[in-house]
């Protein structure tokens, strides 16, 4: 759940999960906050999206200490 919908309204964001910084950046490159809140509001839904599957397949092969750039 995007923070803009919970923090300003002082609502509970619900369950959260920890993801790596490159994955977090890629999520925001690919999807708007509205899409994340409405359609992709679980880790399973994010993982199953074709664009994220492609990225996750690539990121698994990278050096974990390498800085990853994200592009639109």
N, C-alpha and C. Protein backbone atom coordinates (compact mmCIF):
# COMPACT_ATOMS: atom_id res chain seq x y z
N UNK A 1 0.85 -1.17 0.00
CA UNK A 1 0.00 0.00 0.00
C UNK A 1 0.90 1.24 0.00
N UNK A 2 0.72 2.14 -0.94
CA UNK A 2 1.55 3.36 -0.98
C UNK A 2 1.38 4.20 0.29
N UNK A 3 2.46 4.76 0.76
CA UNK A 3 2.44 5.55 2.00
C UNK A 3 1.58 6.79 1.85
N UNK A 4 1.47 7.35 0.65
CA UNK A 4 0.68 8.56 0.49
C UNK A 4 -0.78 8.32 0.83
N UNK A 5 -1.22 7.10 0.77
CA UNK A 5 -2.62 6.80 1.10
C UNK A 5 -2.80 6.42 2.56
N UNK A 6 -1.71 6.20 3.27
CA UNK A 6 -1.85 5.77 4.66
C UNK A 6 -1.25 6.77 5.65
N UNK A 7 -0.08 7.29 5.36
CA UNK A 7 0.62 8.14 6.32
C UNK A 7 -0.13 9.45 6.56
N UNK A 8 -0.52 10.13 5.50
CA UNK A 8 -1.21 11.41 5.65
C UNK A 8 -2.57 11.26 6.30
N UNK A 9 -3.22 10.14 6.09
CA UNK A 9 -4.55 9.91 6.65
C UNK A 9 -4.48 9.16 7.97
N UNK A 10 -3.24 8.91 8.44
CA UNK A 10 -2.99 8.20 9.70
C UNK A 10 -3.72 6.86 9.75
N UNK A 11 -3.65 6.13 8.63
CA UNK A 11 -4.24 4.80 8.56
C UNK A 11 -3.14 3.76 8.65
N UNK A 12 -3.51 2.58 9.10
CA UNK A 12 -2.57 1.46 9.17
C UNK A 12 -2.29 0.96 7.75
N UNK A 13 -1.01 0.86 7.36
CA UNK A 13 -0.69 0.40 6.01
C UNK A 13 -0.93 -1.09 5.80
N UNK A 14 -1.19 -1.81 6.87
CA UNK A 14 -1.38 -3.25 6.75
C UNK A 14 -0.04 -3.96 6.78
N UNK A 15 -0.03 -5.24 6.41
CA UNK A 15 1.22 -5.99 6.44
C UNK A 15 2.22 -5.43 5.43
N UNK A 16 3.48 -5.42 5.82
CA UNK A 16 4.55 -4.94 4.94
C UNK A 16 5.57 -6.05 4.74
N UNK A 17 6.45 -5.83 3.77
CA UNK A 17 7.51 -6.79 3.51
C UNK A 17 8.78 -6.02 3.19
N UNK A 18 9.90 -6.66 3.35
CA UNK A 18 11.19 -6.05 3.05
C UNK A 18 11.65 -6.55 1.68
N UNK A 19 12.00 -5.61 0.82
CA UNK A 19 12.56 -5.98 -0.48
C UNK A 19 13.84 -5.18 -0.69
N UNK A 20 14.68 -5.64 -1.58
CA UNK A 20 15.95 -4.96 -1.82
C UNK A 20 15.69 -3.63 -2.54
N UNK A 21 16.65 -2.73 -2.43
CA UNK A 21 16.51 -1.39 -3.02
C UNK A 21 16.31 -1.43 -4.53
N UNK A 22 17.06 -2.25 -5.29
CA UNK A 22 16.82 -2.28 -6.74
C UNK A 22 15.41 -2.73 -7.09
N UNK A 23 14.87 -3.70 -6.38
CA UNK A 23 13.50 -4.16 -6.65
C UNK A 23 12.49 -3.08 -6.31
N UNK A 24 12.71 -2.38 -5.21
CA UNK A 24 11.80 -1.30 -4.81
C UNK A 24 11.79 -0.20 -5.87
N UNK A 25 12.97 0.18 -6.34
CA UNK A 25 13.05 1.21 -7.38
C UNK A 25 12.36 0.74 -8.65
N UNK A 26 12.57 -0.51 -9.03
CA UNK A 26 11.97 -1.04 -10.25
C UNK A 26 10.45 -1.07 -10.15
N UNK A 27 9.93 -1.39 -8.99
CA UNK A 27 8.47 -1.39 -8.80
C UNK A 27 7.91 0.00 -9.12
N UNK A 28 8.60 1.04 -8.64
CA UNK A 28 8.11 2.40 -8.86
C UNK A 28 8.37 2.89 -10.29
N UNK A 29 9.33 2.31 -10.96
CA UNK A 29 9.55 2.65 -12.37
C UNK A 29 8.42 2.05 -13.22
N UNK A 30 8.02 0.84 -12.90
CA UNK A 30 7.04 0.14 -13.72
C UNK A 30 5.58 0.50 -13.41
N UNK A 31 5.28 0.84 -12.17
CA UNK A 31 3.88 0.99 -11.77
C UNK A 31 3.64 2.29 -11.03
N UNK A 32 2.46 2.85 -11.22
CA UNK A 32 2.06 4.04 -10.45
C UNK A 32 1.58 3.60 -9.07
N UNK A 33 1.50 4.56 -8.15
CA UNK A 33 1.00 4.24 -6.81
C UNK A 33 -0.44 3.76 -6.87
N UNK A 34 -1.21 4.30 -7.80
CA UNK A 34 -2.60 3.88 -7.94
C UNK A 34 -2.68 2.41 -8.35
N UNK A 35 -1.84 2.00 -9.32
CA UNK A 35 -1.81 0.60 -9.74
C UNK A 35 -1.39 -0.31 -8.59
N UNK A 36 -0.39 0.14 -7.83
CA UNK A 36 0.08 -0.67 -6.71
C UNK A 36 -1.00 -0.85 -5.66
N UNK A 37 -1.74 0.20 -5.36
CA UNK A 37 -2.78 0.13 -4.34
C UNK A 37 -3.95 -0.72 -4.78
N UNK A 38 -4.34 -0.62 -6.05
CA UNK A 38 -5.55 -1.31 -6.51
C UNK A 38 -5.31 -2.74 -6.96
N UNK A 39 -4.28 -2.96 -7.77
CA UNK A 39 -4.11 -4.25 -8.42
C UNK A 39 -2.93 -5.07 -7.91
N UNK A 40 -1.86 -4.42 -7.54
CA UNK A 40 -0.63 -5.13 -7.21
C UNK A 40 -0.29 -4.94 -5.73
N UNK A 41 -1.23 -5.22 -4.87
CA UNK A 41 -1.06 -4.92 -3.45
C UNK A 41 -0.56 -6.10 -2.62
N UNK A 42 -0.04 -7.13 -3.26
CA UNK A 42 0.61 -8.22 -2.53
C UNK A 42 1.91 -8.58 -3.25
N UNK A 43 2.82 -9.19 -2.52
CA UNK A 43 4.10 -9.61 -3.10
C UNK A 43 3.86 -10.63 -4.21
N UNK A 44 2.90 -11.52 -4.01
CA UNK A 44 2.62 -12.55 -5.02
C UNK A 44 2.13 -11.92 -6.32
N UNK A 45 1.28 -10.92 -6.23
CA UNK A 45 0.79 -10.26 -7.44
C UNK A 45 1.90 -9.51 -8.16
N UNK A 46 2.79 -8.88 -7.39
CA UNK A 46 3.93 -8.20 -8.01
C UNK A 46 4.84 -9.20 -8.72
N UNK A 47 5.16 -10.30 -8.05
CA UNK A 47 6.04 -11.31 -8.64
C UNK A 47 5.44 -11.93 -9.89
N UNK A 48 4.14 -12.03 -9.94
CA UNK A 48 3.51 -12.70 -11.08
C UNK A 48 3.32 -11.78 -12.28
N UNK A 49 3.53 -10.49 -12.11
CA UNK A 49 3.39 -9.57 -13.24
C UNK A 49 4.53 -9.83 -14.23
N UNK A 50 4.24 -9.91 -15.54
CA UNK A 50 5.27 -10.25 -16.53
C UNK A 50 6.49 -9.33 -16.52
N UNK A 51 6.30 -8.03 -16.35
CA UNK A 51 7.44 -7.12 -16.33
C UNK A 51 8.33 -7.36 -15.11
N UNK A 52 7.73 -7.67 -13.98
CA UNK A 52 8.53 -7.95 -12.79
C UNK A 52 9.22 -9.31 -12.90
N UNK A 53 8.57 -10.29 -13.51
CA UNK A 53 9.21 -11.60 -13.70
C UNK A 53 10.47 -11.45 -14.52
N UNK A 54 10.41 -10.64 -15.55
CA UNK A 54 11.57 -10.40 -16.40
C UNK A 54 12.70 -9.76 -15.58
N UNK A 55 12.35 -8.74 -14.80
CA UNK A 55 13.35 -8.06 -13.97
C UNK A 55 13.91 -9.00 -12.91
N UNK A 56 13.05 -9.76 -12.24
CA UNK A 56 13.51 -10.67 -11.18
C UNK A 56 14.44 -11.75 -11.73
N UNK A 57 14.15 -12.24 -12.93
CA UNK A 57 15.03 -13.21 -13.56
C UNK A 57 16.41 -12.63 -13.82
N UNK A 58 16.46 -11.36 -14.20
CA UNK A 58 17.73 -10.69 -14.47
C UNK A 58 18.46 -10.36 -13.17
N UNK A 59 17.74 -9.81 -12.19
CA UNK A 59 18.39 -9.34 -10.96
C UNK A 59 18.99 -10.50 -10.16
N UNK A 60 18.41 -11.68 -10.25
CA UNK A 60 18.95 -12.84 -9.52
C UNK A 60 20.36 -13.20 -9.97
N UNK A 61 20.71 -12.84 -11.20
CA UNK A 61 22.03 -13.17 -11.75
C UNK A 61 23.09 -12.12 -11.41
N UNK A 62 22.68 -11.01 -10.83
CA UNK A 62 23.61 -9.90 -10.58
C UNK A 62 24.34 -10.06 -9.26
N UNK A 63 25.50 -9.41 -9.19
CA UNK A 63 26.27 -9.37 -7.96
C UNK A 63 25.46 -8.60 -6.91
N UNK A 64 25.25 -9.16 -5.72
CA UNK A 64 24.41 -8.48 -4.73
C UNK A 64 24.99 -7.15 -4.24
N UNK A 65 26.28 -6.91 -4.45
CA UNK A 65 26.91 -5.67 -3.99
C UNK A 65 27.02 -4.63 -5.10
N UNK A 66 26.58 -4.98 -6.28
CA UNK A 66 26.65 -4.07 -7.42
C UNK A 66 25.49 -3.07 -7.35
N UNK A 67 25.78 -1.80 -7.64
CA UNK A 67 24.71 -0.80 -7.68
C UNK A 67 23.96 -0.97 -9.00
N UNK A 68 22.66 -1.09 -8.91
CA UNK A 68 21.82 -1.32 -10.08
C UNK A 68 21.09 -0.04 -10.44
N UNK A 69 21.16 0.35 -11.70
CA UNK A 69 20.41 1.52 -12.17
C UNK A 69 19.09 1.06 -12.77
N UNK A 70 18.08 1.87 -12.58
CA UNK A 70 16.77 1.57 -13.16
C UNK A 70 16.45 2.63 -14.19
N UNK A 71 15.81 2.20 -15.26
CA UNK A 71 15.43 3.10 -16.35
C UNK A 71 13.97 2.90 -16.67
N UNK A 72 13.33 3.95 -17.10
CA UNK A 72 11.93 3.87 -17.53
C UNK A 72 11.86 3.21 -18.87
